[in-house]
PDB file of N, CA and C in Angstrom:
ATOM      1  N   MET A   1     -30.340 -47.522  75.355  1.00  0.00           N
ATOM      2  CA  MET A   1     -31.635 -48.066  74.898  1.00  0.00           C
ATOM      3  C   MET A   1     -31.727 -46.775  73.588  1.00  0.00           C
ATOM      4  N   CYS A   2     -32.035 -47.347  72.091  1.00  0.00           N
ATOM      5  CA  CYS A   2     -31.797 -46.006  71.348  1.00  0.00           C
ATOM      6  C   CYS A   2     -33.514 -45.926  70.780  1.00  0.00           C
ATOM      7  N   ASP A   3     -33.957 -44.566  70.823  1.00  0.00           N
ATOM      8  CA  ASP A   3     -35.142 -44.096  70.945  1.00  0.00           C
ATOM      9  C   ASP A   3     -36.200 -43.807  69.824  1.00  0.00           C
ATOM     10  N   GLU A   4     -35.230 -44.489  68.618  1.00  0.00           N
ATOM     11  CA  GLU A   4     -35.271 -44.267  67.016  1.00  0.00           C
ATOM     12  C   GLU A   4     -36.064 -45.351  66.868  1.00  0.00           C
ATOM     13  N   TYR A   5     -36.135 -46.334  67.710  1.00  0.00           N
ATOM     14  CA  TYR A   5     -36.540 -47.807  67.092  1.00  0.00           C
ATOM     15  C   TYR A   5     -37.792 -47.786  68.191  1.00  0.00           C
ATOM     16  N   VAL A   6     -39.206 -48.495  67.478  1.00  0.00           N
ATOM     17  CA  VAL A   6     -40.085 -48.792  68.192  1.00  0.00           C
ATOM     18  C   VAL A   6     -39.995 -50.378  67.787  1.00  0.00           C
ATOM     19  N   HIS A   7     -41.264 -51.417  69.007  1.00  0.00           N
ATOM     20  CA  HIS A   7     -41.350 -52.663  69.301  1.00  0.00           C
ATOM     21  C   HIS A   7     -42.229 -52.298  67.850  1.00  0.00           C
ATOM     22  N   VAL A   8     -41.832 -53.915  67.241  1.00  0.00           N
ATOM     23  CA  VAL A   8     -43.330 -54.410  66.278  1.00  0.00           C
ATOM     24  C   VAL A   8     -43.348 -55.656  66.700  1.00  0.00           C
ATOM     25  N   TYR A   9     -44.411 -56.366  67.122  1.00  0.00           N
ATOM     26  CA  TYR A   9     -44.853 -57.833  67.704  1.00  0.00           C
ATOM     27  C   TYR A   9     -45.901 -57.836  66.303  1.00  0.00           C
ATOM     28  N   ILE A  10     -45.732 -59.576  65.834  1.00  0.00           N
ATOM     29  CA  ILE A  10     -45.759 -60.588  64.390  1.00  0.00           C
ATOM     30  C   ILE A  10     -46.705 -61.571  64.904  1.00  0.00           C
ATOM     31  N   TRP A  11     -47.445 -61.488  65.013  1.00  0.00           N
ATOM     32  CA  TRP A  11     -48.066 -62.933  65.160  1.00  0.00           C
ATOM     33  C   TRP A  11     -48.444 -63.905  63.455  1.00  0.00           C
ATOM     34  N   ILE A  12     -47.447 -64.788  63.849  1.00  0.00           N
ATOM     35  CA  ILE A  12     -47.795 -65.402  62.245  1.00  0.00           C
ATOM     36  C   ILE A  12     -49.112 -66.598  62.164  1.00  0.00           C
ATOM     37  N   VAL A  13     -49.799 -66.318  61.579  1.00  0.00           N
ATOM     38  CA  VAL A  13     -50.518 -67.301  60.898  1.00  0.00           C
ATOM     39  C   VAL A  13     -52.331 -67.898  61.815  1.00  0.00           C
ATOM     40  N   ALA A  14     -51.810 -69.296  62.999  1.00  0.00           N
ATOM     41  CA  ALA A  14     -52.767 -68.874  63.741  1.00  0.00           C
ATOM     42  C   ALA A  14     -52.591 -68.719  64.956  1.00  0.00           C
ATOM     43  N   LYS A  15     -52.147 -67.405  65.549  1.00  0.00           N
ATOM     44  CA  LYS A  15     -51.253 -66.935  66.145  1.00  0.00           C
ATOM     45  C   LYS A  15     -50.296 -67.444  67.396  1.00  0.00           C
ATOM     46  N   LYS A  16     -49.961 -68.640  67.073  1.00  0.00           N
ATOM     47  CA  LYS A  16     -49.071 -69.823  67.826  1.00  0.00           C
ATOM     48  C   LYS A  16     -47.712 -69.449  67.798  1.00  0.00           C
ATOM     49  N   GLU A  17     -47.310 -68.900  67.315  1.00  0.00           N
ATOM     50  CA  GLU A  17     -45.652 -67.743  67.047  1.00  0.00           C
ATOM     51  C   GLU A  17     -45.999 -66.855  67.217  1.00  0.00           C
ATOM     52  N   PHE A  18     -44.669 -65.923  67.837  1.00  0.00           N
ATOM     53  CA  PHE A  18     -44.434 -64.386  67.935  1.00  0.00           C
ATOM     54  C   PHE A  18     -43.157 -64.100  67.680  1.00  0.00           C
ATOM     55  N   LEU A  19     -42.785 -63.391  66.911  1.00  0.00           N
ATOM     56  CA  LEU A  19     -41.773 -62.787  66.732  1.00  0.00           C
ATOM     57  C   LEU A  19     -41.874 -61.318  66.941  1.00  0.00           C
ATOM     58  N   ALA A  20     -40.544 -60.695  67.893  1.00  0.00           N
ATOM     59  CA  ALA A  20     -40.618 -59.542  68.304  1.00  0.00           C
ATOM     60  C   ALA A  20     -39.297 -58.862  67.295  1.00  0.00           C
ATOM     61  N   PHE A  21     -39.596 -57.584  66.839  1.00  0.00           N
ATOM     62  CA  PHE A  21     -37.984 -56.814  66.590  1.00  0.00           C
ATOM     63  C   PHE A  21     -38.726 -55.452  66.633  1.00  0.00           C
ATOM     64  N   ARG A  22     -37.193 -54.769  66.663  1.00  0.00           N
ATOM     65  CA  ARG A  22     -36.578 -53.078  66.637  1.00  0.00           C
ATOM     66  C   ARG A  22     -37.318 -52.508  65.021  1.00  0.00           C
ATOM     67  N   LEU A  23     -37.460 -51.924  64.544  1.00  0.00           N
ATOM     68  CA  LEU A  23     -37.165 -51.006  63.483  1.00  0.00           C
ATOM     69  C   LEU A  23     -37.418 -49.495  63.794  1.00  0.00           C
ATOM     70  N   ASN A  24     -37.080 -49.066  62.566  1.00  0.00           N
ATOM     71  CA  ASN A  24     -37.340 -47.671  62.341  1.00  0.00           C
ATOM     72  C   ASN A  24     -38.909 -47.307  62.165  1.00  0.00           C
ATOM     73  N   PRO A  25     -38.986 -45.992  62.915  1.00  0.00           N
ATOM     74  CA  PRO A  25     -40.362 -45.332  63.300  1.00  0.00           C
ATOM     75  C   PRO A  25     -40.995 -45.125  61.210  1.00  0.00           C
ATOM     76  N   GLU A  26     -39.911 -44.676  60.676  1.00  0.00           N
ATOM     77  CA  GLU A  26     -40.200 -44.151  59.819  1.00  0.00           C
ATOM     78  C   GLU A  26     -40.842 -45.893  58.328  1.00  0.00           C
ATOM     79  N   LEU A  27     -39.955 -46.827  58.446  1.00  0.00           N
ATOM     80  CA  LEU A  27     -39.936 -48.224  57.992  1.00  0.00           C
ATOM     81  C   LEU A  27     -42.030 -48.775  58.492  1.00  0.00           C
ATOM     82  N   LYS A  28     -41.959 -48.349  60.308  1.00  0.00           N
ATOM     83  CA  LYS A  28     -42.977 -48.739  60.563  1.00  0.00           C
ATOM     84  C   LYS A  28     -44.590 -47.877  60.206  1.00  0.00           C
ATOM     85  N   GLN A  29     -44.646 -46.539  59.714  1.00  0.00           N
ATOM     86  CA  GLN A  29     -44.991 -45.576  59.229  1.00  0.00           C
ATOM     87  C   GLN A  29     -45.550 -46.382  57.614  1.00  0.00           C
ATOM     88  N   GLN A  30     -44.218 -46.637  57.214  1.00  0.00           N
ATOM     89  CA  GLN A  30     -44.700 -46.610  55.529  1.00  0.00           C
ATOM     90  C   GLN A  30     -45.206 -47.900  55.485  1.00  0.00           C
ATOM     91  N   ILE A  31     -45.154 -49.767  56.384  1.00  0.00           N
ATOM     92  CA  ILE A  31     -45.712 -50.340  56.645  1.00  0.00           C
ATOM     93  C   ILE A  31     -47.430 -49.995  56.967  1.00  0.00           C
ATOM     94  N   GLN A  32     -47.497 -49.107  58.255  1.00  0.00           N
ATOM     95  CA  GLN A  32     -48.435 -49.235  58.018  1.00  0.00           C
ATOM     96  C   GLN A  32     -49.746 -48.561  57.141  1.00  0.00           C
ATOM     97  N   GLU A  33     -49.454 -47.729  56.438  1.00  0.00           N
ATOM     98  CA  GLU A  33     -49.643 -47.254  54.818  1.00  0.00           C
ATOM     99  C   GLU A  33     -50.205 -47.774  54.324  1.00  0.00           C
ATOM    100  N   ILE A  34     -49.408 -49.332  53.850  1.00  0.00           N
ATOM    101  CA  ILE A  34     -49.488 -50.177  53.148  1.00  0.00           C
ATOM    102  C   ILE A  34     -50.314 -51.083  53.837  1.00  0.00           C
ATOM    103  N   ALA A  35     -51.327 -51.102  54.294  1.00  0.00           N
ATOM    104  CA  ALA A  35     -51.598 -51.998  55.786  1.00  0.00           C
ATOM    105  C   ALA A  35     -52.841 -51.016  55.667  1.00  0.00           C
ATOM    106  N   ASP A  36     -52.849 -50.023  55.711  1.00  0.00           N
ATOM    107  CA  ASP A  36     -54.375 -48.907  55.332  1.00  0.00           C
ATOM    108  C   ASP A  36     -54.813 -49.460  53.939  1.00  0.00           C
ATOM    109  N   SER A  37     -53.654 -48.952  53.475  1.00  0.00           N
ATOM    110  CA  SER A  37     -54.511 -49.127  51.474  1.00  0.00           C
ATOM    111  C   SER A  37     -54.967 -50.743  51.342  1.00  0.00           C
ATOM    112  N   GLU A  38     -54.052 -51.485  51.721  1.00  0.00           N
ATOM    113  CA  GLU A  38     -54.756 -52.516  51.342  1.00  0.00           C
ATOM    114  C   GLU A  38     -56.016 -53.714  52.219  1.00  0.00           C
ATOM    115  N   GLU A  39     -56.307 -52.624  53.071  1.00  0.00           N
ATOM    116  CA  GLU A  39     -56.940 -53.071  54.130  1.00  0.00           C
ATOM    117  C   GLU A  39     -56.613 -54.133  55.179  1.00  0.00           C
ATOM    118  N   ARG A  40     -55.038 -54.565  55.112  1.00  0.00           N
ATOM    119  CA  ARG A  40     -55.090 -55.107  55.702  1.00  0.00           C
ATOM    120  C   ARG A  40     -54.268 -54.640  57.689  1.00  0.00           C
ATOM    121  N   SER A  41     -53.819 -55.713  58.273  1.00  0.00           N
ATOM    122  CA  SER A  41     -52.935 -55.070  59.576  1.00  0.00           C
ATOM    123  C   SER A  41     -51.986 -55.248  59.509  1.00  0.00           C
ATOM    124  N   ILE A  42     -51.313 -54.712  60.262  1.00  0.00           N
ATOM    125  CA  ILE A  42     -49.736 -54.952  59.988  1.00  0.00           C
ATOM    126  C   ILE A  42     -49.199 -56.146  60.154  1.00  0.00           C
ATOM    127  N   SER A  43     -49.540 -56.588  60.914  1.00  0.00           N
ATOM    128  CA  SER A  43     -49.346 -58.124  61.816  1.00  0.00           C
ATOM    129  C   SER A  43     -49.728 -58.866  59.297  1.00  0.00           C
ATOM    130  N   GLN A  44     -50.768 -58.721  58.848  1.00  0.00           N
ATOM    131  CA  GLN A  44     -50.699 -59.378  58.175  1.00  0.00           C
ATOM    132  C   GLN A  44     -49.950 -58.688  56.507  1.00  0.00           C
ATOM    133  N   ILE A  45     -49.887 -57.712  57.066  1.00  0.00           N
ATOM    134  CA  ILE A  45     -48.833 -57.357  56.416  1.00  0.00           C
ATOM    135  C   ILE A  45     -47.598 -57.933  56.045  1.00  0.00           C
ATOM    136  N   CYS A  46     -47.028 -57.890  57.429  1.00  0.00           N
ATOM    137  CA  CYS A  46     -45.461 -58.046  57.598  1.00  0.00           C
ATOM    138  C   CYS A  46     -45.319 -60.142  57.057  1.00  0.00           C
ATOM    139  N   ASP A  47     -46.110 -60.616  57.257  1.00  0.00           N
ATOM    140  CA  ASP A  47     -46.056 -61.752  57.808  1.00  0.00           C
ATOM    141  C   ASP A  47     -46.014 -62.040  56.117  1.00  0.00           C
ATOM    142  N   LEU A  48     -46.563 -61.266  55.425  1.00  0.00           N
ATOM    143  CA  LEU A  48     -47.038 -61.474  53.375  1.00  0.00           C
ATOM    144  C   LEU A  48     -45.243 -61.204  52.558  1.00  0.00           C
ATOM    145  N   LEU A  49     -44.476 -59.919  53.416  1.00  0.00           N
ATOM    146  CA  LEU A  49     -43.561 -59.422  52.887  1.00  0.00           C
ATOM    147  C   LEU A  49     -42.580 -60.348  53.729  1.00  0.00           C
ATOM    148  N   LEU A  50     -42.691 -60.763  55.368  1.00  0.00           N
ATOM    149  CA  LEU A  50     -41.686 -62.196  55.295  1.00  0.00           C
ATOM    150  C   LEU A  50     -41.463 -63.266  54.399  1.00  0.00           C
ATOM    151  N   ARG A  51     -42.753 -63.525  53.873  1.00  0.00           N
ATOM    152  CA  ARG A  51     -42.980 -64.734  53.548  1.00  0.00           C
ATOM    153  C   ARG A  51     -42.452 -64.547  51.685  1.00  0.00           C
ATOM    154  N   GLY A  52     -42.571 -63.570  51.916  1.00  0.00           N
ATOM    155  CA  GLY A  52     -42.126 -63.579  49.773  1.00  0.00           C
ATOM    156  C   GLY A  52     -40.546 -62.673  50.046  1.00  0.00           C
ATOM    157  N   GLY A  53     -39.833 -62.466  51.325  1.00  0.00           N
ATOM    158  CA  GLY A  53     -38.407 -62.417  51.206  1.00  0.00           C
ATOM    159  C   GLY A  53     -37.995 -64.015  51.596  1.00  0.00           C
ATOM    160  N   VAL A  54     -38.706 -64.598  52.084  1.00  0.00           N
ATOM    161  CA  VAL A  54     -38.189 -66.055  52.105  1.00  0.00           C
ATOM    162  C   VAL A  54     -38.387 -66.709  51.044  1.00  0.00           C
ATOM    163  N   GLU A  55     -39.226 -66.849  50.308  1.00  0.00           N
ATOM    164  CA  GLU A  55     -39.622 -67.528  48.996  1.00  0.00           C
ATOM    165  C   GLU A  55     -38.619 -67.175  47.943  1.00  0.00           C
ATOM    166  N   ALA A  56     -38.045 -65.936  48.229  1.00  0.00           N
ATOM    167  CA  ALA A  56     -36.749 -65.416  47.091  1.00  0.00           C
ATOM    168  C   ALA A  56     -35.849 -65.676  47.365  1.00  0.00           C
ATOM    169  N   TYR A  57     -35.104 -65.712  48.645  1.00  0.00           N
ATOM    170  CA  TYR A  57     -34.142 -66.585  49.140  1.00  0.00           C
ATOM    171  C   TYR A  57     -33.740 -67.708  48.793  1.00  0.00           C
ATOM    172  N   LYS A  58     -35.120 -68.308  49.121  1.00  0.00           N
ATOM    173  CA  LYS A  58     -35.099 -70.087  48.846  1.00  0.00           C
ATOM    174  C   LYS A  58     -34.652 -69.952  47.217  1.00  0.00           C
ATOM    175  N   ARG A  59     -34.888 -68.968  46.960  1.00  0.00           N
ATOM    176  CA  ARG A  59     -34.570 -69.183  45.267  1.00  0.00           C
ATOM    177  C   ARG A  59     -33.745 -68.573  44.895  1.00  0.00           C
ATOM    178  N   GLU A  60     -33.127 -67.619  44.931  1.00  0.00           N
ATOM    179  CA  GLU A  60     -31.241 -66.947  44.760  1.00  0.00           C
ATOM    180  C   GLU A  60     -30.586 -67.037  45.792  1.00  0.00           C
ATOM    181  N   GLY A  61     -30.931 -68.108  47.073  1.00  0.00           N
ATOM    182  CA  GLY A  61     -29.568 -67.698  47.776  1.00  0.00           C
ATOM    183  C   GLY A  61     -29.233 -67.061  48.438  1.00  0.00           C
ATOM    184  N   PRO A  62     -27.542 -67.107  49.174  1.00  0.00           N
ATOM    185  CA  PRO A  62     -27.487 -65.517  49.980  1.00  0.00           C
ATOM    186  C   PRO A  62     -26.855 -64.692  49.044  1.00  0.00           C
ATOM    187  N   GLN A  63     -27.063 -64.516  47.880  1.00  0.00           N
ATOM    188  CA  GLN A  63     -27.183 -63.630  46.917  1.00  0.00           C
ATOM    189  C   GLN A  63     -28.068 -62.523  46.752  1.00  0.00           C
ATOM    190  N   TYR A  64     -29.331 -63.349  47.074  1.00  0.00           N
ATOM    191  CA  TYR A  64     -30.887 -62.452  47.716  1.00  0.00           C
ATOM    192  C   TYR A  64     -30.286 -61.556  48.796  1.00  0.00           C
ATOM    193  N   LEU A  65     -29.829 -61.789  49.722  1.00  0.00           N
ATOM    194  CA  LEU A  65     -29.212 -60.800  50.731  1.00  0.00           C
ATOM    195  C   LEU A  65     -28.620 -60.180  50.341  1.00  0.00           C
ATOM    196  N   GLN A  66     -27.228 -60.214  49.805  1.00  0.00           N
ATOM    197  CA  GLN A  66     -26.588 -59.671  49.188  1.00  0.00           C
ATOM    198  C   GLN A  66     -26.647 -58.353  48.758  1.00  0.00           C
ATOM    199  N   ARG A  67     -27.956 -58.634  47.624  1.00  0.00           N
ATOM    200  CA  ARG A  67     -28.424 -57.584  46.893  1.00  0.00           C
ATOM    201  C   ARG A  67     -29.245 -56.567  47.559  1.00  0.00           C
ATOM    202  N   LEU A  68     -30.067 -56.494  48.605  1.00  0.00           N
ATOM    203  CA  LEU A  68     -30.806 -56.078  49.511  1.00  0.00           C
ATOM    204  C   LEU A  68     -29.553 -55.560  50.512  1.00  0.00           C
ATOM    205  N   LEU A  69     -28.520 -55.924  50.737  1.00  0.00           N
ATOM    206  CA  LEU A  69     -27.172 -55.172  51.717  1.00  0.00           C
ATOM    207  C   LEU A  69     -26.724 -54.304  50.620  1.00  0.00           C
ATOM    208  N   ALA A  70     -26.734 -54.208  49.425  1.00  0.00           N
ATOM    209  CA  ALA A  70     -25.882 -53.063  49.062  1.00  0.00           C
ATOM    210  C   ALA A  70     -26.937 -52.554  48.532  1.00  0.00           C
ATOM    211  N   LYS A  71     -28.226 -52.330  48.812  1.00  0.00           N
ATOM    212  CA  LYS A  71     -29.020 -51.373  48.328  1.00  0.00           C
ATOM    213  C   LYS A  71     -29.099 -50.247  49.327  1.00  0.00           C
ATOM    214  N   GLN A  72     -28.313 -50.418  50.918  1.00  0.00           N
ATOM    215  CA  GLN A  72     -28.943 -50.200  52.337  1.00  0.00           C
ATOM    216  C   GLN A  72     -28.103 -48.927  52.042  1.00  0.00           C
ATOM    217  N   LYS A  73     -28.090 -47.913  52.761  1.00  0.00           N
ATOM    218  CA  LYS A  73     -27.331 -47.195  52.921  1.00  0.00           C
ATOM    219  C   LYS A  73     -25.658 -46.857  53.695  1.00  0.00           C
ATOM    220  N   PRO A  74     -25.211 -46.540  54.412  1.00  0.00           N
ATOM    221  CA  PRO A  74     -23.956 -47.123  54.710  1.00  0.00           C
ATOM    222  C   PRO A  74     -24.748 -46.018  56.341  1.00  0.00           C
ATOM    223  N   LYS A  75     -24.411 -46.906  57.534  1.00  0.00           N
ATOM    224  CA  LYS A  75     -24.987 -45.909  58.664  1.00  0.00           C
ATOM    225  C   LYS A  75     -24.106 -45.037  59.351  1.00  0.00           C
ATOM    226  N   THR A  76     -24.793 -44.081  59.647  1.00  0.00           N
ATOM    227  CA  THR A  76     -24.003 -42.973  60.204  1.00  0.00           C
ATOM    228  C   THR A  76     -23.856 -43.417  61.682  1.00  0.00           C
ATOM    229  N   ARG A  77     -23.350 -42.756  62.477  1.00  0.00           N
ATOM    230  CA  ARG A  77     -22.895 -42.775  63.921  1.00  0.00           C
ATOM    231  C   ARG A  77     -23.328 -41.351  64.454  1.00  0.00           C
TER     232      ARG A  77
END
């Protein structure tokens, strides 16, 4: 297991669904900073960002993901 990732648990809407995934600690910190500045929880911010991404994907289709993937830095080992 890689120590550079942390577990994030997201409860959706009425906390009826549960989603867990790993992310880079730097990204988690950025999300925490957004949550703090907006006086919201990490879960609320993640829900909003995920909903926005889903809506963008519905509008643009696979080109939306292709554009995001093209912006990512190449991973080094």
